[in-house]
Amino acid sequence: MTNLPDVVGYYEVWLINPRNLEMFSVGVLGDEQDELLPLPPNVDLQAYSVVDVSAEAYDNDTAHSGTSLLRGALTG
């Protein structure tokens, strides 16, 4: 992935509600330059207005690792 540091594991994309810090995984980034990650139809993008890319280990833990590599506001 461009502009992301190499990690031992994989990159995961999350949506975060900044009011209560609730988050859910949108999916995993692959080796493609552009990645399409479909959102569930009931996602409120006004509530989940932050996107985060984390470094994740192959450890069977489905929670966010706590290691954010990129984070920003969703616009549009």
Protein backbone atom coordinates (compact mmCIF):
# COMPACT_ATOMS: atom_id res chain seq x y z
CA MET A 1 0.00 0.00 0.00
CA THR A 2 1.24 3.44 -0.86
CA ASN A 3 2.34 5.68 2.02
CA LEU A 4 1.66 3.08 4.71
CA PRO A 5 4.53 1.59 6.70
CA ASP A 6 5.28 -2.10 6.30
CA VAL A 7 3.65 -4.17 9.02
CA VAL A 8 3.95 -7.77 10.14
CA GLY A 9 0.31 -8.60 9.62
CA TYR A 10 -2.29 -6.65 7.67
CA TYR A 11 -4.12 -3.33 7.38
CA GLU A 12 -7.72 -3.03 8.53
CA VAL A 13 -10.14 -0.16 7.87
CA TRP A 14 -12.51 1.02 10.60
CA LEU A 15 -15.33 3.52 10.92
CA ILE A 16 -15.48 5.35 14.25
CA ASN A 17 -18.21 7.34 15.95
CA PRO A 18 -16.23 10.18 17.60
CA ARG A 19 -18.95 10.87 20.19
CA ASN A 20 -18.78 7.48 21.90
CA LEU A 21 -15.69 5.96 20.19
CA GLU A 22 -17.78 3.02 18.96
CA MET A 23 -16.10 1.46 15.94
CA PHE A 24 -16.57 -1.33 13.48
CA SER A 25 -14.41 -2.90 10.83
CA VAL A 26 -15.17 -2.10 7.21
CA GLY A 27 -12.68 -4.62 5.85
CA VAL A 28 -9.08 -5.46 5.12
CA LEU A 29 -6.84 -3.68 2.63
CA GLY A 30 -5.21 -5.88 0.03
CA ASP A 31 -2.33 -5.25 -2.32
CA GLU A 32 -4.37 -3.20 -4.79
CA GLN A 33 -3.68 0.52 -5.29
CA ASP A 34 -7.42 1.24 -5.03
CA GLU A 35 -9.57 -0.83 -2.72
CA LEU A 36 -13.39 -0.95 -2.70
CA LEU A 37 -14.85 -1.75 0.70
CA PRO A 38 -18.67 -1.87 0.63
CA LEU A 39 -20.51 -0.46 3.63
CA PRO A 40 -23.55 -2.09 5.19
CA PRO A 41 -26.70 -0.27 4.00
CA ASN A 42 -27.71 0.84 7.51
CA VAL A 43 -24.47 2.68 8.39
CA ASP A 44 -25.07 6.27 9.51
CA LEU A 45 -22.08 8.12 8.03
CA GLN A 46 -23.02 11.24 9.98
CA ALA A 47 -22.47 9.30 13.22
CA TYR A 48 -19.50 7.24 12.00
CA SER A 49 -17.60 10.19 10.59
CA VAL A 50 -14.01 9.05 11.20
CA VAL A 51 -12.09 6.51 9.15
CA ASP A 52 -9.06 4.72 10.60
CA VAL A 53 -6.48 2.32 9.15
CA SER A 54 -4.87 0.07 11.73
CA ALA A 55 -2.00 -2.38 11.76
CA GLU A 56 -3.34 -5.78 12.79
CA ALA A 57 -1.61 -9.02 13.72
CA TYR A 58 -2.70 -12.52 12.73
CA ASP A 59 -3.82 -13.30 16.29
CA ASN A 60 -7.55 -14.15 15.95
CA ASP A 61 -8.42 -10.98 17.91
CA THR A 62 -11.17 -9.14 16.02
CA ALA A 63 -10.82 -5.91 18.04
CA HIS A 64 -8.83 -2.87 16.89
CA SER A 65 -5.18 -3.40 17.77
CA GLY A 66 -4.74 0.10 19.14
CA THR A 67 -2.16 0.88 16.46
CA SER A 68 -3.62 3.48 14.09
CA LEU A 69 -1.53 4.27 11.02
CA LEU A 70 -3.93 6.77 9.41
CA ARG A 71 -7.00 8.54 10.73
CA GLY A 72 -9.20 11.23 9.23
CA ALA A 73 -12.69 12.62 8.82
CA LEU A 74 -15.01 11.29 6.15
CA THR A 75 -16.22 13.97 3.79
CA GLY A 76 -18.72 14.09 1.00
